[in-house]
C-alpha atoms as a PDB file:
ATOM      1  CA  MET A   1     -31.826  49.653 -24.093  1.00  0.00           C
ATOM      2  CA  LYS A   2     -34.714  48.766 -21.816  1.00  0.00           C
ATOM      3  CA  VAL A   3     -37.829  47.483 -23.586  1.00  0.00           C
ATOM      4  CA  LYS A   4     -41.048  48.978 -22.228  1.00  0.00           C
ATOM      5  CA  LEU A   5     -44.005  46.627 -22.077  1.00  0.00           C
ATOM      6  CA  PRO A   6     -47.333  48.034 -23.243  1.00  0.00           C
ATOM      7  CA  ILE A   7     -49.491  49.201 -20.338  1.00  0.00           C
ATOM      8  CA  VAL A   8     -52.238  46.691 -21.171  1.00  0.00           C
ATOM      9  CA  LEU A   9     -49.760  43.795 -21.170  1.00  0.00           C
ATOM     10  CA  MET A  10     -48.215  44.959 -17.906  1.00  0.00           C
ATOM     11  CA  THR A  11     -51.650  45.198 -16.328  1.00  0.00           C
ATOM     12  CA  MET A  12     -52.539  41.697 -17.519  1.00  0.00           C
ATOM     13  CA  LEU A  13     -49.283  40.303 -16.113  1.00  0.00           C
ATOM     14  CA  MET A  14     -49.911  42.003 -12.767  1.00  0.00           C
ATOM     15  CA  ILE A  15     -53.462  40.656 -12.602  1.00  0.00           C
ATOM     16  CA  SER A  16     -52.231  37.177 -13.510  1.00  0.00           C
ATOM     17  CA  ALA A  17     -49.563  37.332 -10.815  1.00  0.00           C
ATOM     18  CA  CYS A  18     -52.101  38.494  -8.217  1.00  0.00           C
ATOM     19  CA  GLN A  19     -54.485  35.700  -9.203  1.00  0.00           C
ATOM     20  CA  GLN A  20     -51.760  33.098  -8.906  1.00  0.00           C
ATOM     21  CA  ALA A  21     -50.737  34.441  -5.512  1.00  0.00           C
ATOM     22  CA  TYR A  22     -54.374  34.250  -4.414  1.00  0.00           C
ATOM     23  CA  PHE A  23     -54.750  30.648  -5.626  1.00  0.00           C
ATOM     24  CA  ASN A  24     -51.497  29.666  -3.885  1.00  0.00           C
ATOM     25  CA  THR A  25     -52.653  31.232  -0.629  1.00  0.00           C
ATOM     26  CA  MET A  26     -56.013  29.497  -0.793  1.00  0.00           C
ATOM     27  CA  GLU A  27     -54.369  26.120  -1.449  1.00  0.00           C
ATOM     28  CA  LYS A  28     -52.172  26.625   1.615  1.00  0.00           C
ATOM     29  CA  LEU A  29     -55.398  27.125   3.549  1.00  0.00           C
ATOM     30  CA  GLY A  30     -56.681  23.816   2.211  1.00  0.00           C
ATOM     31  CA  ILE A  31     -58.955  25.236  -0.512  1.00  0.00           C
ATOM     32  CA  PRO A  32     -58.023  23.788  -3.937  1.00  0.00           C
ATOM     33  CA  LYS A  33     -58.686  25.478  -7.284  1.00  0.00           C
ATOM     34  CA  GLN A  34     -61.544  23.106  -8.052  1.00  0.00           C
ATOM     35  CA  ASP A  35     -63.447  24.323  -4.975  1.00  0.00           C
ATOM     36  CA  ILE A  36     -62.818  27.929  -6.014  1.00  0.00           C
ATOM     37  CA  LEU A  37     -64.083  27.074  -9.491  1.00  0.00           C
ATOM     38  CA  VAL A  38     -67.320  25.649  -8.073  1.00  0.00           C
ATOM     39  CA  ASP A  39     -67.825  28.760  -5.938  1.00  0.00           C
ATOM     40  CA  ARG A  40     -67.262  31.051  -8.921  1.00  0.00           C
ATOM     41  CA  VAL A  41     -69.579  29.072 -11.169  1.00  0.00           C
ATOM     42  CA  GLU A  42     -72.240  29.364  -8.460  1.00  0.00           C
ATOM     43  CA  ASP A  43     -71.626  33.132  -8.246  1.00  0.00           C
ATOM     44  CA  ALA A  44     -71.897  33.469 -12.038  1.00  0.00           C
ATOM     45  CA  ARG A  45     -75.104  31.437 -12.051  1.00  0.00           C
ATOM     46  CA  ASP A  46     -76.646  33.538  -9.270  1.00  0.00           C
ATOM     47  CA  SER A  47     -75.661  36.714 -11.098  1.00  0.00           C
ATOM     48  CA  GLN A  48     -77.410  35.479 -14.240  1.00  0.00           C
ATOM     49  CA  VAL A  49     -80.558  34.618 -12.267  1.00  0.00           C
ATOM     50  CA  GLU A  50     -80.622  38.177 -10.910  1.00  0.00           C
ATOM     51  CA  THR A  51     -79.983  39.566 -14.386  1.00  0.00           C
ATOM     52  CA  GLN A  52     -82.881  37.569 -15.809  1.00  0.00           C
ATOM     53  CA  GLU A  53     -85.231  39.114 -13.275  1.00  0.00           C
ATOM     54  CA  GLN A  54     -83.793  42.584 -13.709  1.00  0.00           C
ATOM     55  CA  PHE A  55     -84.289  42.657 -17.464  1.00  0.00           C
ATOM     56  CA  LYS A  56     -87.835  41.338 -17.047  1.00  0.00           C
ATOM     57  CA  SER A  57     -88.449  44.189 -14.616  1.00  0.00           C
ATOM     58  CA  ALA A  58     -86.967  46.728 -17.039  1.00  0.00           C
ATOM     59  CA  LEU A  59     -89.220  45.417 -19.810  1.00  0.00           C
ATOM     60  CA  GLU A  60     -92.277  45.768 -17.579  1.00  0.00           C
ATOM     61  CA  ARG A  61     -91.315  49.357 -16.811  1.00  0.00           C
ATOM     62  CA  PHE A  62     -90.797  50.137 -20.491  1.00  0.00           C
ATOM     63  CA  THR A  63     -94.196  48.624 -21.276  1.00  0.00           C
ATOM     64  CA  GLU A  64     -95.790  50.825 -18.620  1.00  0.00           C
ATOM     65  CA  VAL A  65     -94.179  53.909 -20.163  1.00  0.00           C
ATOM     66  CA  VAL A  66     -95.364  52.962 -23.657  1.00  0.00           C
ATOM     67  CA  ASP A  67     -98.894  52.334 -22.330  1.00  0.00           C
ATOM     68  CA  PHE A  68     -98.814  55.639 -20.466  1.00  0.00           C
ATOM     69  CA  ASP A  69    -102.235  57.299 -20.399  1.00  0.00           C
ATOM     70  CA  GLY A  70    -102.052  60.375 -18.225  1.00  0.00           C
ATOM     71  CA  GLY A  71    -100.346  60.988 -14.889  1.00  0.00           C
ATOM     72  CA  ASP A  72     -96.795  61.893 -13.922  1.00  0.00           C
ATOM     73  CA  LEU A  73     -94.678  61.125 -16.984  1.00  0.00           C
ATOM     74  CA  GLU A  74     -91.503  62.407 -15.336  1.00  0.00           C
ATOM     75  CA  LYS A  75     -91.973  59.877 -12.557  1.00  0.00           C
ATOM     76  CA  GLN A  76     -92.373  57.136 -15.158  1.00  0.00           C
ATOM     77  CA  TYR A  77     -89.194  58.302 -16.883  1.00  0.00           C
ATOM     78  CA  LYS A  78     -87.189  58.268 -13.649  1.00  0.00           C
ATOM     79  CA  ALA A  79     -88.427  54.752 -12.888  1.00  0.00           C
ATOM     80  CA  LEU A  80     -87.379  53.604 -16.379  1.00  0.00           C
ATOM     81  CA  ASN A  81     -83.979  55.229 -15.971  1.00  0.00           C
ATOM     82  CA  ASP A  82     -83.532  53.463 -12.618  1.00  0.00           C
ATOM     83  CA  GLU A  83     -84.311  50.136 -14.282  1.00  0.00           C
ATOM     84  CA  TYR A  84     -81.788  50.873 -17.019  1.00  0.00           C
ATOM     85  CA  GLU A  85     -79.056  51.713 -14.506  1.00  0.00           C
ATOM     86  CA  LYS A  86     -79.771  48.537 -12.525  1.00  0.00           C
ATOM     87  CA  SER A  87     -79.649  46.503 -15.751  1.00  0.00           C
ATOM     88  CA  GLU A  88     -76.337  48.086 -16.688  1.00  0.00           C
ATOM     89  CA  LYS A  89     -74.931  47.195 -13.272  1.00  0.00           C
ATOM     90  CA  ASN A  90     -76.144  43.602 -13.615  1.00  0.00           C
ATOM     91  CA  ALA A  91     -74.608  43.309 -17.078  1.00  0.00           C
ATOM     92  CA  LYS A  92     -71.230  44.401 -15.727  1.00  0.00           C
ATOM     93  CA  GLU A  93     -71.454  41.918 -12.871  1.00  0.00           C
ATOM     94  CA  VAL A  94     -72.285  39.020 -15.218  1.00  0.00           C
ATOM     95  CA  LYS A  95     -69.230  39.830 -17.321  1.00  0.00           C
ATOM     96  CA  GLU A  96     -66.974  40.011 -14.247  1.00  0.00           C
ATOM     97  CA  ARG A  97     -68.329  36.753 -12.825  1.00  0.00           C
ATOM     98  CA  ILE A  98     -67.702  34.903 -16.086  1.00  0.00           C
ATOM     99  CA  GLU A  99     -64.161  36.280 -16.284  1.00  0.00           C
ATOM    100  CA  ALA A 100     -63.572  35.087 -12.708  1.00  0.00           C
ATOM    101  CA  VAL A 101     -64.687  31.583 -13.723  1.00  0.00           C
ATOM    102  CA  GLU A 102     -62.343  31.648 -16.715  1.00  0.00           C
ATOM    103  CA  SER A 103     -59.326  32.750 -14.676  1.00  0.00           C
ATOM    104  CA  VAL A 104     -59.537  29.941 -12.129  1.00  0.00           C
ATOM    105  CA  ALA A 105     -60.401  27.332 -14.784  1.00  0.00           C
ATOM    106  CA  GLU A 106     -57.338  28.285 -16.827  1.00  0.00           C
ATOM    107  CA  ALA A 107     -55.135  28.012 -13.730  1.00  0.00           C
ATOM    108  CA  LEU A 108     -56.676  24.664 -12.784  1.00  0.00           C
ATOM    109  CA  PHE A 109     -56.207  23.094 -16.225  1.00  0.00           C
ATOM    110  CA  GLU A 110     -52.673  24.467 -16.557  1.00  0.00           C
ATOM    111  CA  GLU A 111     -51.749  22.932 -13.201  1.00  0.00           C
ATOM    112  CA  TRP A 112     -53.374  19.640 -14.207  1.00  0.00           C
ATOM    113  CA  GLU A 113     -51.452  19.617 -17.493  1.00  0.00           C
ATOM    114  CA  ASP A 114     -48.131  20.273 -15.742  1.00  0.00           C
ATOM    115  CA  GLU A 115     -48.749  17.469 -13.256  1.00  0.00           C
ATOM    116  CA  LEU A 116     -49.085  14.930 -16.084  1.00  0.00           C
ATOM    117  CA  ASP A 117     -45.333  15.226 -16.721  1.00  0.00           C
ATOM    118  CA  GLU A 118     -44.603  14.245 -13.132  1.00  0.00           C
ATOM    119  CA  TYR A 119     -46.002  10.712 -13.455  1.00  0.00           C
ATOM    120  CA  SER A 120     -43.552   7.875 -13.903  1.00  0.00           C
ATOM    121  CA  SER A 121     -46.435   5.478 -14.534  1.00  0.00           C
ATOM    122  CA  SER A 122     -47.818   5.721 -18.064  1.00  0.00           C
ATOM    123  CA  LYS A 123     -50.972   3.996 -16.824  1.00  0.00           C
ATOM    124  CA  TYR A 124     -51.755   6.683 -14.246  1.00  0.00           C
ATOM    125  CA  ARG A 125     -50.730   9.443 -16.629  1.00  0.00           C
ATOM    126  CA  SER A 126     -53.137   8.088 -19.243  1.00  0.00           C
ATOM    127  CA  ILE A 127     -55.997   7.974 -16.721  1.00  0.00           C
ATOM    128  CA  LYS A 128     -55.390  11.566 -15.624  1.00  0.00           C
ATOM    129  CA  GLN A 129     -54.984  12.720 -19.226  1.00  0.00           C
ATOM    130  CA  ARG A 130     -58.398  11.291 -20.052  1.00  0.00           C
ATOM    131  CA  GLU A 131     -59.930  12.894 -16.964  1.00  0.00           C
ATOM    132  CA  LEU A 132     -58.410  16.240 -17.964  1.00  0.00           C
ATOM    133  CA  GLU A 133     -59.843  16.016 -21.471  1.00  0.00           C
ATOM    134  CA  GLU A 134     -63.283  15.154 -20.108  1.00  0.00           C
ATOM    135  CA  ALA A 135     -63.105  18.011 -17.608  1.00  0.00           C
ATOM    136  CA  ARG A 136     -62.132  20.461 -20.345  1.00  0.00           C
ATOM    137  CA  THR A 137     -64.982  19.283 -22.553  1.00  0.00           C
ATOM    138  CA  ARG A 138     -67.519  19.824 -19.751  1.00  0.00           C
ATOM    139  CA  TYR A 139     -66.036  23.203 -18.945  1.00  0.00           C
ATOM    140  CA  ASN A 140     -65.967  24.340 -22.576  1.00  0.00           C
ATOM    141  CA  GLY A 141     -69.674  23.556 -22.858  1.00  0.00           C
ATOM    142  CA  LEU A 142     -70.359  25.602 -19.734  1.00  0.00           C
ATOM    143  CA  ILE A 143     -68.338  28.665 -20.711  1.00  0.00           C
ATOM    144  CA  LYS A 144     -69.811  28.605 -24.218  1.00  0.00           C
ATOM    145  CA  ALA A 145     -73.322  28.743 -22.726  1.00  0.00           C
ATOM    146  CA  MET A 146     -72.301  31.555 -20.374  1.00  0.00           C
ATOM    147  CA  ARG A 147     -70.737  33.639 -23.135  1.00  0.00           C
ATOM    148  CA  LYS A 148     -73.664  33.077 -25.462  1.00  0.00           C
ATOM    149  CA  ALA A 149     -76.068  34.294 -22.795  1.00  0.00           C
ATOM    150  CA  GLU A 150     -73.864  37.289 -22.088  1.00  0.00           C
ATOM    151  CA  SER A 151     -73.805  38.190 -25.804  1.00  0.00           C
ATOM    152  CA  LYS A 152     -77.587  38.727 -25.696  1.00  0.00           C
ATOM    153  CA  ILE A 153     -77.274  41.499 -23.104  1.00  0.00           C
ATOM    154  CA  PRO A 154     -75.746  44.388 -25.145  1.00  0.00           C
ATOM    155  CA  PRO A 155     -78.594  44.676 -27.713  1.00  0.00           C
ATOM    156  CA  VAL A 156     -81.204  44.860 -24.949  1.00  0.00           C
ATOM    157  CA  LEU A 157     -79.132  47.263 -22.885  1.00  0.00           C
ATOM    158  CA  ALA A 158     -78.559  49.484 -25.932  1.00  0.00           C
ATOM    159  CA  ALA A 159     -82.292  49.544 -26.681  1.00  0.00           C
ATOM    160  CA  PHE A 160     -83.134  50.555 -23.114  1.00  0.00           C
ATOM    161  CA  LYS A 161     -80.472  53.271 -23.204  1.00  0.00           C
ATOM    162  CA  ASP A 162     -81.877  54.661 -26.448  1.00  0.00           C
ATOM    163  CA  GLN A 163     -85.346  54.834 -24.919  1.00  0.00           C
ATOM    164  CA  VAL A 164     -84.130  56.567 -21.777  1.00  0.00           C
ATOM    165  CA  LEU A 165     -82.130  59.110 -23.772  1.00  0.00           C
ATOM    166  CA  PHE A 166     -85.015  59.695 -26.174  1.00  0.00           C
ATOM    167  CA  LEU A 167     -87.420  60.476 -23.347  1.00  0.00           C
ATOM    168  CA  LYS A 168     -84.975  62.511 -21.272  1.00  0.00           C
ATOM    169  CA  HIS A 169     -85.745  65.853 -22.902  1.00  0.00           C
ATOM    170  CA  SER A 170     -89.049  64.926 -24.536  1.00  0.00           C
ATOM    171  CA  LEU A 171     -91.425  64.053 -21.735  1.00  0.00           C
ATOM    172  CA  ASN A 172     -94.638  64.262 -23.705  1.00  0.00           C
ATOM    173  CA  ALA A 173     -97.313  61.973 -25.143  1.00  0.00           C
ATOM    174  CA  GLN A 174     -95.928  62.295 -28.669  1.00  0.00           C
ATOM    175  CA  ALA A 175     -92.501  61.022 -27.603  1.00  0.00           C
ATOM    176  CA  VAL A 176     -94.062  58.109 -25.737  1.00  0.00           C
ATOM    177  CA  ALA A 177     -96.212  57.216 -28.740  1.00  0.00           C
ATOM    178  CA  SER A 178     -93.145  57.059 -30.966  1.00  0.00           C
ATOM    179  CA  LEU A 179     -91.672  54.339 -28.728  1.00  0.00           C
ATOM    180  CA  LYS A 180     -94.581  51.952 -29.235  1.00  0.00           C
ATOM    181  CA  SER A 181     -93.115  50.594 -32.459  1.00  0.00           C
ATOM    182  CA  GLU A 182     -90.053  49.442 -30.488  1.00  0.00           C
ATOM    183  CA  LEU A 183     -91.963  47.406 -27.918  1.00  0.00           C
ATOM    184  CA  THR A 184     -92.303  44.235 -30.007  1.00  0.00           C
ATOM    185  CA  SER A 185     -88.606  44.220 -30.874  1.00  0.00           C
ATOM    186  CA  VAL A 186     -87.532  44.848 -27.276  1.00  0.00           C
ATOM    187  CA  ARG A 187     -89.811  42.079 -26.015  1.00  0.00           C
ATOM    188  CA  ALA A 188     -88.289  39.652 -28.509  1.00  0.00           C
ATOM    189  CA  ASP A 189     -84.747  40.619 -27.471  1.00  0.00           C
ATOM    190  CA  VAL A 190     -85.540  40.236 -23.770  1.00  0.00           C
ATOM    191  CA  SER A 191     -87.170  36.855 -24.423  1.00  0.00           C
ATOM    192  CA  ARG A 192     -84.036  35.644 -26.234  1.00  0.00           C
ATOM    193  CA  LEU A 193     -81.881  36.929 -23.394  1.00  0.00           C
ATOM    194  CA  VAL A 194     -83.998  35.189 -20.756  1.00  0.00           C
ATOM    195  CA  ARG A 195     -83.928  31.894 -22.702  1.00  0.00           C
ATOM    196  CA  GLU A 196     -80.158  31.942 -23.153  1.00  0.00           C
ATOM    197  CA  MET A 197     -79.653  32.921 -19.519  1.00  0.00           C
ATOM    198  CA  GLN A 198     -81.768  29.951 -18.473  1.00  0.00           C
ATOM    199  CA  LYS A 199     -79.696  27.615 -20.643  1.00  0.00           C
ATOM    200  CA  SER A 200     -76.554  28.984 -19.020  1.00  0.00           C
ATOM    201  CA  ILE A 201     -78.049  28.645 -15.541  1.00  0.00           C
ATOM    202  CA  ASP A 202     -79.035  25.034 -16.285  1.00  0.00           C
ATOM    203  CA  ALA A 203     -75.540  24.356 -17.660  1.00  0.00           C
ATOM    204  CA  SER A 204     -74.016  25.814 -14.488  1.00  0.00           C
ATOM    205  CA  ASN A 205     -76.158  23.596 -12.277  1.00  0.00           C
ATOM    206  CA  ALA A 206     -75.255  20.518 -14.326  1.00  0.00           C
ATOM    207  CA  TYR A 207     -71.553  21.416 -14.187  1.00  0.00           C
ATOM    208  CA  ILE A 208     -71.613  21.947 -10.429  1.00  0.00           C
ATOM    209  CA  GLU A 209     -73.393  18.612  -9.996  1.00  0.00           C
ATOM    210  CA  SER A 210     -70.800  16.845 -12.180  1.00  0.00           C
ATOM    211  CA  LEU A 211     -67.978  18.130  -9.975  1.00  0.00           C
ATOM    212  CA  SER A 212     -69.765  17.010  -6.825  1.00  0.00           C
ATOM    213  CA  ARG A 213     -69.963  13.364  -7.876  1.00  0.00           C
END
């Protein structure tokens, strides 16, 4: 009887196989996994910089809506909705960029670990083992900072979505007034997000610099 693998597991295996094929192809072209890792860390960092600015922009738009005092409220709503959609897109990109970093890092460390068994010299093996442990420690610090920053996105995104949905069919001064009580909380959430993003960005820059030495 043939055992059927769950669809999720099959998908993961296919993705893993495609990734490995990609890494193998790049190495044949003279581009090692470490170079790919640096590129992906840079991409993740740049994505977080853009996300920082986007959420600041969304907060400014929300503040303008809350401070609304006459004019075209529907136009204000559409602008807020646009900011929300851009923020949602940025959040998805940050997640994908971090996952891309993780995939190449896992492949790099697995390869490094396998190569340790190929040494006949215990001296050289010990040196490379120590280098591997140090590299993993640096990487773990980086990915922890990235994931922590990413974890601050959903609460802010959820708050913006609530505001957009609330205003969608209630474009009036009373609806806007009811959002004022949320402004302080949203500002605090965005501030936390921006701070954690900056820590992650700084960690990315430090990590890239460490690999360039």
